[in-house]
Amino acid sequence: MPKPLVKPGPIMAAQVLPGCPQTKGRMLMCHNYNSVNKAMAKAKYKQLDDGTYYGKIAECPGVWANKNTLEKCRKVLHEVLEEWFALGKNGSH
């Protein structure tokens, strides 16, 4: 069995986890995966009059998404949040 590419523990910026269902093999753009999950749990969504879905995380200024399905809205919101953490908007840098 091959050794893992990363050590167990918090996932930090720019780690790639091949085969990991959460990352789908792409590079993580977040400071800490657990922080992203905690913030996503606080996301609020609503369907707008035009039928699109709007999602935001009040504790993360500037993190929002607007898409034609709730699933796409959640996905984009997650990506925006990862970038928000990577850019240090949460005060971690």
PDB file of N, CA and C in Angstrom:
ATOM      1  N   MET A   1       0.849  -1.180   0.000  1.00  0.00           N
ATOM      2  CA  MET A   1       0.000   0.000   0.000  1.00  0.00           C
ATOM      3  C   MET A   1       0.894   1.244   0.000  1.00  0.00           C
ATOM      4  N   PRO A   2       0.642   2.208  -0.915  1.00  0.00           N
ATOM      5  CA  PRO A   2       1.482   3.406  -0.967  1.00  0.00           C
ATOM      6  C   PRO A   2       1.278   4.291   0.251  1.00  0.00           C
ATOM      7  N   LYS A   3       2.336   5.016   0.600  1.00  0.00           N
ATOM      8  CA  LYS A   3       2.256   5.938   1.727  1.00  0.00           C
ATOM      9  C   LYS A   3       1.453   7.173   1.323  1.00  0.00           C
ATOM     10  N   PRO A   4       0.723   7.775   2.280  1.00  0.00           N
ATOM     11  CA  PRO A   4      -0.005   9.005   1.960  1.00  0.00           C
ATOM     12  C   PRO A   4       0.957  10.119   1.554  1.00  0.00           C
ATOM     13  N   LEU A   5       0.481  11.018   0.698  1.00  0.00           N
ATOM     14  CA  LEU A   5       1.309  12.131   0.254  1.00  0.00           C
ATOM     15  C   LEU A   5       1.440  13.218   1.308  1.00  0.00           C
ATOM     16  N   VAL A   6       0.508  13.258   2.244  1.00  0.00           N
ATOM     17  CA  VAL A   6       0.532  14.270   3.289  1.00  0.00           C
ATOM     18  C   VAL A   6       0.379  13.601   4.640  1.00  0.00           C
ATOM     19  N   LYS A   7       0.839  14.271   5.655  1.00  0.00           N
ATOM     20  CA  LYS A   7       0.695  13.757   7.008  1.00  0.00           C
ATOM     21  C   LYS A   7      -0.731  13.991   7.494  1.00  0.00           C
ATOM     22  N   PRO A   8      -1.254  13.094   8.341  1.00  0.00           N
ATOM     23  CA  PRO A   8      -2.574  13.329   8.913  1.00  0.00           C
ATOM     24  C   PRO A   8      -2.580  14.610   9.736  1.00  0.00           C
ATOM     25  N   GLY A   9      -3.722  15.215   9.848  1.00  0.00           N
ATOM     26  CA  GLY A   9      -3.862  16.441  10.626  1.00  0.00           C
ATOM     27  C   GLY A   9      -4.597  17.481   9.814  1.00  0.00           C
ATOM     28  N   PRO A  10      -4.612  18.722  10.273  1.00  0.00           N
ATOM     29  CA  PRO A  10      -5.319  19.773   9.540  1.00  0.00           C
ATOM     30  C   PRO A  10      -4.762  19.925   8.132  1.00  0.00           C
ATOM     31  N   ILE A  11      -5.642  20.105   7.191  1.00  0.00           N
ATOM     32  CA  ILE A  11      -5.224  20.310   5.810  1.00  0.00           C
ATOM     33  C   ILE A  11      -4.875  21.781   5.648  1.00  0.00           C
ATOM     34  N   MET A  12      -3.669  22.035   5.210  1.00  0.00           N
ATOM     35  CA  MET A  12      -3.207  23.407   5.053  1.00  0.00           C
ATOM     36  C   MET A  12      -3.191  23.766   3.569  1.00  0.00           C
ATOM     37  N   ALA A  13      -2.910  25.011   3.286  1.00  0.00           N
ATOM     38  CA  ALA A  13      -2.965  25.530   1.918  1.00  0.00           C
ATOM     39  C   ALA A  13      -2.108  24.717   0.961  1.00  0.00           C
ATOM     40  N   ALA A  14      -2.613  24.557  -0.242  1.00  0.00           N
ATOM     41  CA  ALA A  14      -1.904  23.968  -1.376  1.00  0.00           C
ATOM     42  C   ALA A  14      -1.557  22.497  -1.212  1.00  0.00           C
ATOM     43  N   GLN A  15      -2.339  21.745  -0.468  1.00  0.00           N
ATOM     44  CA  GLN A  15      -2.149  20.310  -0.423  1.00  0.00           C
ATOM     45  C   GLN A  15      -3.088  19.662  -1.431  1.00  0.00           C
ATOM     46  N   VAL A  16      -2.598  18.676  -2.121  1.00  0.00           N
ATOM     47  CA  VAL A  16      -3.420  17.916  -3.057  1.00  0.00           C
ATOM     48  C   VAL A  16      -3.622  16.528  -2.465  1.00  0.00           C
ATOM     49  N   LEU A  17      -4.855  16.107  -2.401  1.00  0.00           N
ATOM     50  CA  LEU A  17      -5.163  14.798  -1.850  1.00  0.00           C
ATOM     51  C   LEU A  17      -5.800  13.949  -2.951  1.00  0.00           C
ATOM     52  N   PRO A  18      -5.001  13.207  -3.722  1.00  0.00           N
ATOM     53  CA  PRO A  18      -5.551  12.395  -4.799  1.00  0.00           C
ATOM     54  C   PRO A  18      -6.581  11.403  -4.272  1.00  0.00           C
ATOM     55  N   GLY A  19      -7.715  11.339  -4.939  1.00  0.00           N
ATOM     56  CA  GLY A  19      -8.748  10.386  -4.560  1.00  0.00           C
ATOM     57  C   GLY A  19      -9.592  10.814  -3.379  1.00  0.00           C
ATOM     58  N   CYS A  20      -9.312  11.933  -2.764  1.00  0.00           N
ATOM     59  CA  CYS A  20     -10.091  12.392  -1.625  1.00  0.00           C
ATOM     60  C   CYS A  20     -11.437  12.924  -2.121  1.00  0.00           C
ATOM     61  N   PRO A  21     -12.564  12.389  -1.619  1.00  0.00           N
ATOM     62  CA  PRO A  21     -13.863  12.845  -2.122  1.00  0.00           C
ATOM     63  C   PRO A  21     -14.133  14.319  -1.850  1.00  0.00           C
ATOM     64  N   GLN A  22     -13.586  14.872  -0.791  1.00  0.00           N
ATOM     65  CA  GLN A  22     -13.825  16.280  -0.490  1.00  0.00           C
ATOM     66  C   GLN A  22     -13.106  17.203  -1.465  1.00  0.00           C
ATOM     67  N   THR A  23     -11.926  16.819  -1.920  1.00  0.00           N
ATOM     68  CA  THR A  23     -11.155  17.692  -2.792  1.00  0.00           C
ATOM     69  C   THR A  23     -11.239  17.284  -4.250  1.00  0.00           C
ATOM     70  N   LYS A  24     -11.751  16.085  -4.521  1.00  0.00           N
ATOM     71  CA  LYS A  24     -11.860  15.565  -5.885  1.00  0.00           C
ATOM     72  C   LYS A  24     -10.520  15.673  -6.622  1.00  0.00           C
ATOM     73  N   GLY A  25      -9.415  15.486  -5.877  1.00  0.00           N
ATOM     74  CA  GLY A  25      -8.092  15.490  -6.471  1.00  0.00           C
ATOM     75  C   GLY A  25      -7.563  16.866  -6.833  1.00  0.00           C
ATOM     76  N   ARG A  26      -8.310  17.937  -6.529  1.00  0.00           N
ATOM     77  CA  ARG A  26      -7.838  19.266  -6.878  1.00  0.00           C
ATOM     78  C   ARG A  26      -7.090  19.876  -5.704  1.00  0.00           C
ATOM     79  N   MET A  27      -6.373  20.941  -5.963  1.00  0.00           N
ATOM     80  CA  MET A  27      -5.600  21.590  -4.923  1.00  0.00           C
ATOM     81  C   MET A  27      -6.532  22.373  -4.001  1.00  0.00           C
ATOM     82  N   LEU A  28      -6.359  22.200  -2.723  1.00  0.00           N
ATOM     83  CA  LEU A  28      -7.148  22.975  -1.767  1.00  0.00           C
ATOM     84  C   LEU A  28      -6.629  24.394  -1.723  1.00  0.00           C
ATOM     85  N   MET A  29      -7.539  25.335  -1.733  1.00  0.00           N
ATOM     86  CA  MET A  29      -7.156  26.745  -1.699  1.00  0.00           C
ATOM     87  C   MET A  29      -7.513  27.370  -0.354  1.00  0.00           C
ATOM     88  N   CYS A  30      -7.668  26.537   0.631  1.00  0.00           N
ATOM     89  CA  CYS A  30      -8.070  27.075   1.925  1.00  0.00           C
ATOM     90  C   CYS A  30      -6.942  26.927   2.945  1.00  0.00           C
ATOM     91  N   HIS A  31      -6.991  27.762   3.949  1.00  0.00           N
ATOM     92  CA  HIS A  31      -5.997  27.696   5.016  1.00  0.00           C
ATOM     93  C   HIS A  31      -6.204  26.441   5.843  1.00  0.00           C
ATOM     94  N   ASN A  32      -7.425  26.134   6.136  1.00  0.00           N
ATOM     95  CA  ASN A  32      -7.732  25.000   6.997  1.00  0.00           C
ATOM     96  C   ASN A  32      -9.085  24.436   6.586  1.00  0.00           C
ATOM     97  N   TYR A  33      -9.081  23.198   6.117  1.00  0.00           N
ATOM     98  CA  TYR A  33     -10.300  22.561   5.622  1.00  0.00           C
ATOM     99  C   TYR A  33     -11.417  22.579   6.665  1.00  0.00           C
ATOM    100  N   ASN A  34     -11.088  22.356   7.929  1.00  0.00           N
ATOM    101  CA  ASN A  34     -12.102  22.352   8.982  1.00  0.00           C
ATOM    102  C   ASN A  34     -12.747  23.725   9.141  1.00  0.00           C
ATOM    103  N   SER A  35     -11.980  24.782   8.968  1.00  0.00           N
ATOM    104  CA  SER A  35     -12.534  26.133   9.051  1.00  0.00           C
ATOM    105  C   SER A  35     -13.544  26.375   7.937  1.00  0.00           C
ATOM    106  N   VAL A  36     -13.256  25.863   6.751  1.00  0.00           N
ATOM    107  CA  VAL A  36     -14.181  26.003   5.624  1.00  0.00           C
ATOM    108  C   VAL A  36     -15.486  25.270   5.938  1.00  0.00           C
ATOM    109  N   ASN A  37     -15.378  24.056   6.442  1.00  0.00           N
ATOM    110  CA  ASN A  37     -16.586  23.287   6.777  1.00  0.00           C
ATOM    111  C   ASN A  37     -17.420  23.986   7.841  1.00  0.00           C
ATOM    112  N   LYS A  38     -16.764  24.539   8.855  1.00  0.00           N
ATOM    113  CA  LYS A  38     -17.497  25.247   9.914  1.00  0.00           C
ATOM    114  C   LYS A  38     -18.211  26.467   9.358  1.00  0.00           C
ATOM    115  N   ALA A  39     -17.540  27.198   8.484  1.00  0.00           N
ATOM    116  CA  ALA A  39     -18.154  28.387   7.888  1.00  0.00           C
ATOM    117  C   ALA A  39     -19.304  27.991   6.961  1.00  0.00           C
ATOM    118  N   MET A  40     -19.126  26.938   6.172  1.00  0.00           N
ATOM    119  CA  MET A  40     -20.186  26.492   5.260  1.00  0.00           C
ATOM    120  C   MET A  40     -21.430  26.064   6.022  1.00  0.00           C
ATOM    121  N   ALA A  41     -21.252  25.565   7.231  1.00  0.00           N
ATOM    122  CA  ALA A  41     -22.405  25.165   8.047  1.00  0.00           C
ATOM    123  C   ALA A  41     -23.255  26.378   8.435  1.00  0.00           C
ATOM    124  N   LYS A  42     -22.672  27.569   8.364  1.00  0.00           N
ATOM    125  CA  LYS A  42     -23.393  28.800   8.709  1.00  0.00           C
ATOM    126  C   LYS A  42     -23.980  29.498   7.484  1.00  0.00           C
ATOM    127  N   ALA A  43     -23.804  28.908   6.307  1.00  0.00           N
ATOM    128  CA  ALA A  43     -24.296  29.525   5.070  1.00  0.00           C
ATOM    129  C   ALA A  43     -25.819  29.609   5.080  1.00  0.00           C
ATOM    130  N   LYS A  44     -26.319  30.699   4.535  1.00  0.00           N
ATOM    131  CA  LYS A  44     -27.764  30.921   4.402  1.00  0.00           C
ATOM    132  C   LYS A  44     -28.078  31.054   2.917  1.00  0.00           C
ATOM    133  N   TYR A  45     -29.155  30.419   2.486  1.00  0.00           N
ATOM    134  CA  TYR A  45     -29.560  30.440   1.091  1.00  0.00           C
ATOM    135  C   TYR A  45     -30.999  30.906   0.976  1.00  0.00           C
ATOM    136  N   LYS A  46     -31.293  31.560  -0.166  1.00  0.00           N
ATOM    137  CA  LYS A  46     -32.684  31.898  -0.447  1.00  0.00           C
ATOM    138  C   LYS A  46     -32.876  31.921  -1.957  1.00  0.00           C
ATOM    139  N   GLN A  47     -34.101  31.596  -2.362  1.00  0.00           N
ATOM    140  CA  GLN A  47     -34.423  31.651  -3.776  1.00  0.00           C
ATOM    141  C   GLN A  47     -34.954  33.035  -4.086  1.00  0.00           C
ATOM    142  N   LEU A  48     -34.381  33.673  -5.101  1.00  0.00           N
ATOM    143  CA  LEU A  48     -34.768  35.023  -5.481  1.00  0.00           C
ATOM    144  C   LEU A  48     -35.966  34.992  -6.423  1.00  0.00           C
ATOM    145  N   ASP A  49     -36.566  36.145  -6.643  1.00  0.00           N
ATOM    146  CA  ASP A  49     -37.744  36.254  -7.499  1.00  0.00           C
ATOM    147  C   ASP A  49     -37.496  35.752  -8.920  1.00  0.00           C
ATOM    148  N   ASP A  50     -36.255  35.854  -9.402  1.00  0.00           N
ATOM    149  CA  ASP A  50     -35.946  35.402 -10.759  1.00  0.00           C
ATOM    150  C   ASP A  50     -35.688  33.897 -10.838  1.00  0.00           C
ATOM    151  N   GLY A  51     -35.826  33.194  -9.708  1.00  0.00           N
ATOM    152  CA  GLY A  51     -35.658  31.745  -9.664  1.00  0.00           C
ATOM    153  C   GLY A  51     -34.258  31.284  -9.334  1.00  0.00           C
ATOM    154  N   THR A  52     -33.289  32.202  -9.289  1.00  0.00           N
ATOM    155  CA  THR A  52     -31.919  31.819  -8.947  1.00  0.00           C
ATOM    156  C   THR A  52     -31.777  31.696  -7.426  1.00  0.00           C
ATOM    157  N   TYR A  53     -30.682  31.113  -7.015  1.00  0.00           N
ATOM    158  CA  TYR A  53     -30.403  30.935  -5.588  1.00  0.00           C
ATOM    159  C   TYR A  53     -29.237  31.824  -5.179  1.00  0.00           C
ATOM    160  N   TYR A  54     -29.390  32.472  -4.041  1.00  0.00           N
ATOM    161  CA  TYR A  54     -28.371  33.355  -3.478  1.00  0.00           C
ATOM    162  C   TYR A  54     -27.929  32.754  -2.155  1.00  0.00           C
ATOM    163  N   GLY A  55     -26.632  32.651  -1.971  1.00  0.00           N
ATOM    164  CA  GLY A  55     -26.091  32.136  -0.720  1.00  0.00           C
ATOM    165  C   GLY A  55     -25.009  33.059  -0.200  1.00  0.00           C
ATOM    166  N   LYS A  56     -24.945  33.176   1.124  1.00  0.00           N
ATOM    167  CA  LYS A  56     -23.896  33.997   1.734  1.00  0.00           C
ATOM    168  C   LYS A  56     -23.558  33.450   3.101  1.00  0.00           C
ATOM    169  N   ILE A  57     -22.404  33.900   3.599  1.00  0.00           N
ATOM    170  CA  ILE A  57     -21.966  33.561   4.950  1.00  0.00           C
ATOM    171  C   ILE A  57     -21.712  34.890   5.641  1.00  0.00           C
ATOM    172  N   ALA A  58     -22.600  35.270   6.536  1.00  0.00           N
ATOM    173  CA  ALA A  58     -22.552  36.588   7.170  1.00  0.00           C
ATOM    174  C   ALA A  58     -21.235  36.850   7.888  1.00  0.00           C
ATOM    175  N   GLU A  59     -20.647  35.821   8.470  1.00  0.00           N
ATOM    176  CA  GLU A  59     -19.394  35.981   9.226  1.00  0.00           C
ATOM    177  C   GLU A  59     -18.181  36.175   8.321  1.00  0.00           C
ATOM    178  N   CYS A  60     -18.364  36.019   7.023  1.00  0.00           N
ATOM    179  CA  CYS A  60     -17.259  36.116   6.061  1.00  0.00           C
ATOM    180  C   CYS A  60     -17.601  37.194   5.033  1.00  0.00           C
ATOM    181  N   PRO A  61     -17.271  38.445   5.315  1.00  0.00           N
ATOM    182  CA  PRO A  61     -17.627  39.551   4.414  1.00  0.00           C
ATOM    183  C   PRO A  61     -17.136  39.326   2.983  1.00  0.00           C
ATOM    184  N   GLY A  62     -18.039  39.523   2.040  1.00  0.00           N
ATOM    185  CA  GLY A  62     -17.703  39.374   0.634  1.00  0.00           C
ATOM    186  C   GLY A  62     -17.855  37.972   0.086  1.00  0.00           C
ATOM    187  N   VAL A  63     -18.219  37.020   0.932  1.00  0.00           N
ATOM    188  CA  VAL A  63     -18.398  35.632   0.482  1.00  0.00           C
ATOM    189  C   VAL A  63     -19.875  35.416   0.168  1.00  0.00           C
ATOM    190  N   TRP A  64     -20.181  35.321  -1.140  1.00  0.00           N
ATOM    191  CA  TRP A  64     -21.554  35.086  -1.580  1.00  0.00           C
ATOM    192  C   TRP A  64     -21.528  34.441  -2.956  1.00  0.00           C
ATOM    193  N   ALA A  65     -22.661  33.858  -3.347  1.00  0.00           N
ATOM    194  CA  ALA A  65     -22.797  33.245  -4.668  1.00  0.00           C
ATOM    195  C   ALA A  65     -24.238  33.383  -5.118  1.00  0.00           C
ATOM    196  N   ASN A  66     -24.437  33.396  -6.432  1.00  0.00           N
ATOM    197  CA  ASN A  66     -25.772  33.471  -7.019  1.00  0.00           C
ATOM    198  C   ASN A  66     -25.763  32.595  -8.272  1.00  0.00           C
ATOM    199  N   LYS A  67     -26.528  31.499  -8.252  1.00  0.00           N
ATOM    200  CA  LYS A  67     -26.550  30.547  -9.364  1.00  0.00           C
ATOM    201  C   LYS A  67     -27.977  30.062  -9.623  1.00  0.00           C
ATOM    202  N   ASN A  68     -28.158  29.385 -10.768  1.00  0.00           N
ATOM    203  CA  ASN A  68     -29.506  28.973 -11.147  1.00  0.00           C
ATOM    204  C   ASN A  68     -30.024  27.740 -10.411  1.00  0.00           C
ATOM    205  N   THR A  69     -29.164  26.987  -9.723  1.00  0.00           N
ATOM    206  CA  THR A  69     -29.625  25.869  -8.888  1.00  0.00           C
ATOM    207  C   THR A  69     -28.984  25.985  -7.509  1.00  0.00           C
ATOM    208  N   LEU A  70     -29.632  25.393  -6.533  1.00  0.00           N
ATOM    209  CA  LEU A  70     -29.095  25.426  -5.169  1.00  0.00           C
ATOM    210  C   LEU A  70     -27.770  24.678  -5.104  1.00  0.00           C
ATOM    211  N   GLU A  71     -27.667  23.564  -5.817  1.00  0.00           N
ATOM    212  CA  GLU A  71     -26.420  22.790  -5.806  1.00  0.00           C
ATOM    213  C   GLU A  71     -25.253  23.605  -6.371  1.00  0.00           C
ATOM    214  N   LYS A  72     -25.474  24.293  -7.484  1.00  0.00           N
ATOM    215  CA  LYS A  72     -24.413  25.125  -8.067  1.00  0.00           C
ATOM    216  C   LYS A  72     -24.071  26.289  -7.147  1.00  0.00           C
ATOM    217  N   CYS A  73     -25.077  26.846  -6.505  1.00  0.00           N
ATOM    218  CA  CYS A  73     -24.849  27.950  -5.575  1.00  0.00           C
ATOM    219  C   CYS A  73     -23.961  27.498  -4.422  1.00  0.00           C
ATOM    220  N   ARG A  74     -24.243  26.334  -3.864  1.00  0.00           N
ATOM    221  CA  ARG A  74     -23.422  25.791  -2.767  1.00  0.00           C
ATOM    222  C   ARG A  74     -21.987  25.556  -3.225  1.00  0.00           C
ATOM    223  N   LYS A  75     -21.832  25.002  -4.424  1.00  0.00           N
ATOM    224  CA  LYS A  75     -20.493  24.710  -4.941  1.00  0.00           C
ATOM    225  C   LYS A  75     -19.683  25.993  -5.113  1.00  0.00           C
ATOM    226  N   VAL A  76     -20.282  26.989  -5.731  1.00  0.00           N
ATOM    227  CA  VAL A  76     -19.568  28.248  -5.957  1.00  0.00           C
ATOM    228  C   VAL A  76     -19.287  28.950  -4.633  1.00  0.00           C
ATOM    229  N   LEU A  77     -20.246  28.911  -3.708  1.00  0.00           N
ATOM    230  CA  LEU A  77     -20.035  29.523  -2.396  1.00  0.00           C
ATOM    231  C   LEU A  77     -18.841  28.870  -1.706  1.00  0.00           C
ATOM    232  N   HIS A  78     -18.727  27.562  -1.794  1.00  0.00           N
ATOM    233  CA  HIS A  78     -17.602  26.839  -1.201  1.00  0.00           C
ATOM    234  C   HIS A  78     -16.284  27.289  -1.831  1.00  0.00           C
ATOM    235  N   GLU A  79     -16.260  27.424  -3.166  1.00  0.00           N
ATOM    236  CA  GLU A  79     -15.048  27.868  -3.856  1.00  0.00           C
ATOM    237  C   GLU A  79     -14.658  29.291  -3.458  1.00  0.00           C
ATOM    238  N   VAL A  80     -15.647  30.165  -3.359  1.00  0.00           N
ATOM    239  CA  VAL A  80     -15.382  31.551  -2.955  1.00  0.00           C
ATOM    240  C   VAL A  80     -14.835  31.580  -1.535  1.00  0.00           C
ATOM    241  N   LEU A  81     -15.400  30.763  -0.667  1.00  0.00           N
ATOM    242  CA  LEU A  81     -14.935  30.707   0.717  1.00  0.00           C
ATOM    243  C   LEU A  81     -13.492  30.211   0.796  1.00  0.00           C
ATOM    244  N   GLU A  82     -13.155  29.185   0.001  1.00  0.00           N
ATOM    245  CA  GLU A  82     -11.768  28.702  -0.020  1.00  0.00           C
ATOM    246  C   GLU A  82     -10.814  29.822  -0.431  1.00  0.00           C
ATOM    247  N   GLU A  83     -11.185  30.577  -1.450  1.00  0.00           N
ATOM    248  CA  GLU A  83     -10.352  31.689  -1.902  1.00  0.00           C
ATOM    249  C   GLU A  83     -10.250  32.769  -0.828  1.00  0.00           C
ATOM    250  N   TRP A  84     -11.340  33.012  -0.129  1.00  0.00           N
ATOM    251  CA  TRP A  84     -11.374  33.999   0.946  1.00  0.00           C
ATOM    252  C   TRP A  84     -10.345  33.639   2.018  1.00  0.00           C
ATOM    253  N   PHE A  85     -10.316  32.353   2.395  1.00  0.00           N
ATOM    254  CA  PHE A  85      -9.323  31.895   3.372  1.00  0.00           C
ATOM    255  C   PHE A  85      -7.912  31.987   2.796  1.00  0.00           C
ATOM    256  N   ALA A  86      -7.737  31.578   1.522  1.00  0.00           N
ATOM    257  CA  ALA A  86      -6.411  31.599   0.900  1.00  0.00           C
ATOM    258  C   ALA A  86      -5.850  33.015   0.826  1.00  0.00           C
ATOM    259  N   LEU A  87      -6.718  34.002   0.622  1.00  0.00           N
ATOM    260  CA  LEU A  87      -6.282  35.389   0.543  1.00  0.00           C
ATOM    261  C   LEU A  87      -6.090  36.026   1.924  1.00  0.00           C
ATOM    262  N   GLY A  88      -6.415  35.277   2.963  1.00  0.00           N
ATOM    263  CA  GLY A  88      -6.220  35.777   4.313  1.00  0.00           C
ATOM    264  C   GLY A  88      -7.243  36.793   4.752  1.00  0.00           C
ATOM    265  N   LYS A  89      -8.417  36.789   4.122  1.00  0.00           N
ATOM    266  CA  LYS A  89      -9.466  37.751   4.481  1.00  0.00           C
ATOM    267  C   LYS A  89     -10.023  37.511   5.875  1.00  0.00           C
ATOM    268  N   ASN A  90      -9.735  36.328   6.423  1.00  0.00           N
ATOM    269  CA  ASN A  90     -10.201  35.982   7.761  1.00  0.00           C
ATOM    270  C   ASN A  90      -9.239  36.465   8.845  1.00  0.00           C
ATOM    271  N   GLY A  91      -8.180  37.140   8.446  1.00  0.00           N
ATOM    272  CA  GLY A  91      -7.213  37.669   9.417  1.00  0.00           C
ATOM    273  C   GLY A  91      -6.145  36.683   9.827  1.00  0.00           C
ATOM    274  N   SER A  92      -6.061  35.520   9.132  1.00  0.00           N
ATOM    275  CA  SER A  92      -5.088  34.502   9.516  1.00  0.00           C
ATOM    276  C   SER A  92      -3.699  34.757   8.951  1.00  0.00           C
ATOM    277  N   HIS A  93      -3.552  35.674   8.012  1.00  0.00           N
ATOM    278  CA  HIS A  93      -2.227  35.928   7.395  1.00  0.00           C
ATOM    279  C   HIS A  93      -1.633  37.208   7.917  1.00  0.00           C
TER     280      HIS A  93
END
